[in-house]
Amino acid sequence: MTTNNSATRRLSAELHVDSALRPGWVSGLERIPGVGEEIFCVAGVGTVVKVLGRTGDGSRLLEVKLPDPTSKPFFAAASNVLVAPHATAKTA
């Protein structure tokens, strides 16, 4: 018997970043963000922790950390994040 829990389903639109939210920013496919660089993803603004291998669509896999100290890092395809057209990596 299979069960269907529709409460945990996400709409496709909820899983793709809206480029209209960051005018002038480009897809991570156009410019791969570097470690420490600020990006915009479905969850909001985050910082790239690691740039890893390739995903199924050919873009890079990114480990992203949100500014909230309680949030755990997560992974996102570079094709589904927005980056500033010019590098704005933070230096410590």
N, C-alpha and C. Protein backbone atom coordinates (compact mmCIF):
# COMPACT_ATOMS: atom_id res chain seq x y z
N MET A 1 0.84 -1.18 0.00
CA MET A 1 0.00 0.00 0.00
C MET A 1 0.88 1.24 0.00
N THR A 2 0.58 2.17 -0.87
CA THR A 2 1.34 3.41 -0.91
C THR A 2 0.53 4.52 -0.28
N THR A 3 1.23 5.43 0.33
CA THR A 3 0.55 6.59 0.92
C THR A 3 1.03 7.83 0.20
N ASN A 4 0.22 8.82 0.23
CA ASN A 4 0.50 10.06 -0.46
C ASN A 4 0.38 11.21 0.52
N ASN A 5 1.49 11.86 0.81
CA ASN A 5 1.48 12.97 1.75
C ASN A 5 1.64 14.27 0.98
N SER A 6 0.55 14.86 0.56
CA SER A 6 0.60 16.07 -0.24
C SER A 6 1.05 17.28 0.57
N ALA A 7 1.06 17.18 1.89
CA ALA A 7 1.48 18.31 2.73
C ALA A 7 2.96 18.62 2.55
N THR A 8 3.76 17.64 2.15
CA THR A 8 5.19 17.88 1.99
C THR A 8 5.58 18.18 0.55
N ARG A 9 4.66 18.17 -0.36
CA ARG A 9 4.96 18.47 -1.75
C ARG A 9 5.21 19.95 -1.94
N ARG A 10 6.10 20.26 -2.84
CA ARG A 10 6.40 21.64 -3.21
C ARG A 10 6.02 21.84 -4.66
N LEU A 11 5.51 23.00 -4.98
CA LEU A 11 5.23 23.33 -6.37
C LEU A 11 6.55 23.59 -7.07
N SER A 12 6.60 23.29 -8.34
CA SER A 12 7.82 23.49 -9.12
C SER A 12 8.30 24.94 -9.03
N ALA A 13 7.37 25.88 -9.04
CA ALA A 13 7.72 27.30 -8.98
C ALA A 13 8.40 27.65 -7.66
N GLU A 14 8.12 26.92 -6.60
CA GLU A 14 8.74 27.19 -5.30
C GLU A 14 10.19 26.70 -5.25
N LEU A 15 10.59 25.89 -6.21
CA LEU A 15 11.92 25.31 -6.19
C LEU A 15 12.88 25.98 -7.15
N HIS A 16 12.42 26.97 -7.89
CA HIS A 16 13.27 27.67 -8.85
C HIS A 16 13.35 29.14 -8.48
N VAL A 17 14.56 29.68 -8.50
CA VAL A 17 14.79 31.07 -8.13
C VAL A 17 14.19 31.99 -9.19
N ASP A 18 13.58 33.07 -8.75
CA ASP A 18 12.94 34.04 -9.63
C ASP A 18 13.93 35.16 -9.94
N SER A 19 14.38 35.23 -11.18
CA SER A 19 15.39 36.23 -11.55
C SER A 19 14.87 37.66 -11.43
N ALA A 20 13.57 37.85 -11.38
CA ALA A 20 13.01 39.20 -11.23
C ALA A 20 13.27 39.77 -9.84
N LEU A 21 13.60 38.91 -8.88
CA LEU A 21 13.86 39.38 -7.52
C LEU A 21 15.22 40.05 -7.37
N ARG A 22 16.12 39.82 -8.30
CA ARG A 22 17.46 40.42 -8.28
C ARG A 22 17.79 40.93 -9.69
N PRO A 23 17.20 42.06 -10.09
CA PRO A 23 17.49 42.59 -11.44
C PRO A 23 18.99 42.84 -11.64
N GLY A 24 19.47 42.44 -12.79
CA GLY A 24 20.88 42.64 -13.12
C GLY A 24 21.77 41.47 -12.71
N TRP A 25 21.30 40.63 -11.81
CA TRP A 25 22.08 39.47 -11.40
C TRP A 25 21.93 38.39 -12.46
N VAL A 26 22.93 37.52 -12.57
CA VAL A 26 22.94 36.49 -13.61
C VAL A 26 22.86 35.11 -12.99
N SER A 27 22.51 34.15 -13.80
CA SER A 27 22.43 32.76 -13.35
C SER A 27 23.83 32.23 -13.03
N GLY A 28 23.90 31.28 -12.12
CA GLY A 28 25.17 30.63 -11.81
C GLY A 28 25.72 29.84 -12.99
N LEU A 29 24.91 29.63 -14.02
CA LEU A 29 25.41 29.01 -15.25
C LEU A 29 26.27 29.98 -16.04
N GLU A 30 25.90 31.26 -15.99
CA GLU A 30 26.64 32.29 -16.72
C GLU A 30 27.96 32.64 -16.05
N ARG A 31 27.94 32.68 -14.72
CA ARG A 31 29.15 32.99 -13.96
C ARG A 31 29.14 32.17 -12.68
N ILE A 32 30.08 31.25 -12.55
CA ILE A 32 30.15 30.38 -11.37
C ILE A 32 30.60 31.22 -10.18
N PRO A 33 29.83 31.22 -9.10
CA PRO A 33 30.24 31.99 -7.93
C PRO A 33 31.42 31.32 -7.22
N GLY A 34 32.21 32.13 -6.56
CA GLY A 34 33.36 31.61 -5.82
C GLY A 34 33.04 31.42 -4.34
N VAL A 35 33.92 30.73 -3.65
CA VAL A 35 33.76 30.52 -2.21
C VAL A 35 33.76 31.88 -1.51
N GLY A 36 32.81 32.06 -0.60
CA GLY A 36 32.69 33.31 0.14
C GLY A 36 31.82 34.34 -0.54
N GLU A 37 31.39 34.06 -1.75
CA GLU A 37 30.58 35.02 -2.51
C GLU A 37 29.11 34.92 -2.13
N GLU A 38 28.45 36.06 -2.11
CA GLU A 38 27.03 36.11 -1.81
C GLU A 38 26.24 35.70 -3.05
N ILE A 39 25.23 34.86 -2.84
CA ILE A 39 24.35 34.42 -3.92
C ILE A 39 22.91 34.60 -3.46
N PHE A 40 22.00 34.50 -4.39
CA PHE A 40 20.57 34.54 -4.08
C PHE A 40 19.97 33.24 -4.57
N CYS A 41 19.27 32.54 -3.67
CA CYS A 41 18.66 31.26 -4.02
C CYS A 41 17.21 31.27 -3.55
N VAL A 42 16.53 30.16 -3.70
CA VAL A 42 15.12 30.05 -3.31
C VAL A 42 14.93 30.38 -1.83
N ALA A 43 15.91 30.03 -1.01
CA ALA A 43 15.82 30.28 0.44
C ALA A 43 16.19 31.71 0.81
N GLY A 44 16.67 32.49 -0.14
CA GLY A 44 17.07 33.88 0.13
C GLY A 44 18.55 34.08 -0.14
N VAL A 45 19.13 35.07 0.53
CA VAL A 45 20.54 35.39 0.35
C VAL A 45 21.37 34.39 1.14
N GLY A 46 22.45 33.92 0.53
CA GLY A 46 23.33 32.98 1.19
C GLY A 46 24.77 33.21 0.75
N THR A 47 25.68 32.46 1.34
CA THR A 47 27.10 32.55 1.02
C THR A 47 27.58 31.18 0.56
N VAL A 48 28.38 31.16 -0.49
CA VAL A 48 28.93 29.92 -1.01
C VAL A 48 30.02 29.42 -0.05
N VAL A 49 29.86 28.19 0.44
CA VAL A 49 30.84 27.57 1.33
C VAL A 49 31.83 26.74 0.53
N LYS A 50 31.33 25.99 -0.46
CA LYS A 50 32.18 25.14 -1.32
C LYS A 50 31.60 25.12 -2.73
N VAL A 51 32.47 24.98 -3.70
CA VAL A 51 32.07 24.74 -5.09
C VAL A 51 32.51 23.32 -5.39
N LEU A 52 31.54 22.46 -5.71
CA LEU A 52 31.81 21.04 -5.88
C LEU A 52 31.66 20.63 -7.34
N GLY A 53 31.45 19.35 -7.59
CA GLY A 53 31.35 18.80 -8.94
C GLY A 53 30.17 19.31 -9.75
N ARG A 54 29.91 18.62 -10.80
CA ARG A 54 28.85 19.02 -11.73
C ARG A 54 27.53 18.33 -11.40
N THR A 55 26.44 19.01 -11.73
CA THR A 55 25.11 18.43 -11.56
C THR A 55 24.64 17.87 -12.90
N GLY A 56 23.45 17.32 -12.92
CA GLY A 56 22.90 16.72 -14.14
C GLY A 56 22.72 17.71 -15.27
N ASP A 57 22.51 18.99 -14.95
CA ASP A 57 22.32 19.99 -16.01
C ASP A 57 23.64 20.65 -16.43
N GLY A 58 24.76 20.16 -15.89
CA GLY A 58 26.07 20.67 -16.29
C GLY A 58 26.57 21.82 -15.42
N SER A 59 25.74 22.33 -14.52
CA SER A 59 26.20 23.42 -13.66
C SER A 59 26.95 22.84 -12.46
N ARG A 60 27.58 23.68 -11.69
CA ARG A 60 28.33 23.23 -10.52
C ARG A 60 27.40 23.06 -9.32
N LEU A 61 27.77 22.17 -8.43
CA LEU A 61 27.04 21.97 -7.18
C LEU A 61 27.66 22.90 -6.15
N LEU A 62 26.82 23.67 -5.47
CA LEU A 62 27.29 24.63 -4.47
C LEU A 62 26.82 24.23 -3.09
N GLU A 63 27.69 24.36 -2.11
CA GLU A 63 27.27 24.24 -0.72
C GLU A 63 27.02 25.68 -0.25
N VAL A 64 25.82 25.92 0.26
CA VAL A 64 25.38 27.28 0.60
C VAL A 64 25.04 27.36 2.08
N LYS A 65 25.40 28.48 2.70
CA LYS A 65 25.04 28.74 4.09
C LYS A 65 24.25 30.03 4.14
N LEU A 66 23.11 29.98 4.83
CA LEU A 66 22.28 31.18 5.02
C LEU A 66 22.83 31.98 6.19
N PRO A 67 22.48 33.26 6.28
CA PRO A 67 22.99 34.09 7.37
C PRO A 67 22.50 33.67 8.76
N ASP A 68 21.38 33.00 8.84
CA ASP A 68 20.82 32.56 10.12
C ASP A 68 21.79 31.55 10.75
N PRO A 69 22.32 31.85 11.94
CA PRO A 69 23.30 30.95 12.55
C PRO A 69 22.75 29.57 12.91
N THR A 70 21.44 29.44 12.99
CA THR A 70 20.85 28.14 13.32
C THR A 70 20.62 27.27 12.08
N SER A 71 20.74 27.85 10.89
CA SER A 71 20.50 27.08 9.67
C SER A 71 21.73 26.25 9.32
N LYS A 72 21.47 25.09 8.76
CA LYS A 72 22.54 24.19 8.33
C LYS A 72 22.85 24.45 6.86
N PRO A 73 24.10 24.26 6.44
CA PRO A 73 24.43 24.40 5.02
C PRO A 73 23.61 23.41 4.19
N PHE A 74 23.35 23.77 2.97
CA PHE A 74 22.61 22.91 2.05
C PHE A 74 23.24 23.01 0.67
N PHE A 75 22.78 22.19 -0.25
CA PHE A 75 23.34 22.15 -1.59
C PHE A 75 22.35 22.73 -2.60
N ALA A 76 22.89 23.43 -3.59
CA ALA A 76 22.08 24.00 -4.66
C ALA A 76 22.87 23.91 -5.95
N ALA A 77 22.16 23.71 -7.05
CA ALA A 77 22.79 23.75 -8.36
C ALA A 77 23.05 25.20 -8.73
N ALA A 78 24.20 25.48 -9.29
CA ALA A 78 24.53 26.84 -9.70
C ALA A 78 23.51 27.38 -10.70
N SER A 79 22.88 26.50 -11.46
CA SER A 79 21.87 26.93 -12.43
C SER A 79 20.62 27.47 -11.74
N ASN A 80 20.48 27.23 -10.45
CA ASN A 80 19.29 27.68 -9.73
C ASN A 80 19.63 28.72 -8.66
N VAL A 81 20.71 29.46 -8.87
CA VAL A 81 21.06 30.58 -8.00
C VAL A 81 21.38 31.78 -8.87
N LEU A 82 21.30 32.94 -8.27
CA LEU A 82 21.67 34.17 -8.96
C LEU A 82 22.92 34.73 -8.31
N VAL A 83 23.81 35.29 -9.12
CA VAL A 83 25.04 35.91 -8.63
C VAL A 83 25.15 37.31 -9.22
N ALA A 84 25.82 38.17 -8.48
CA ALA A 84 26.06 39.53 -9.00
C ALA A 84 26.88 39.41 -10.28
N PRO A 85 26.67 40.32 -11.24
CA PRO A 85 27.38 40.19 -12.51
C PRO A 85 28.89 40.27 -12.35
N HIS A 86 29.38 40.95 -11.32
CA HIS A 86 30.81 41.02 -11.04
C HIS A 86 31.06 40.46 -9.67
N ALA A 87 32.20 39.82 -9.46
CA ALA A 87 32.52 39.17 -8.19
C ALA A 87 32.45 40.16 -7.04
N THR A 88 31.77 39.75 -5.98
CA THR A 88 31.68 40.56 -4.76
C THR A 88 31.97 39.68 -3.56
N ALA A 89 33.01 38.85 -3.67
CA ALA A 89 33.35 37.93 -2.59
C ALA A 89 33.76 38.72 -1.35
N LYS A 90 33.32 38.24 -0.21
CA LYS A 90 33.65 38.88 1.05
C LYS A 90 35.01 38.40 1.52
N THR A 91 35.78 39.29 2.07
CA THR A 91 37.06 38.89 2.63
C THR A 91 37.02 39.06 4.12
N ALA A 92 37.63 38.12 4.82
CA ALA A 92 37.60 38.16 6.27
C ALA A 92 38.80 38.86 6.84
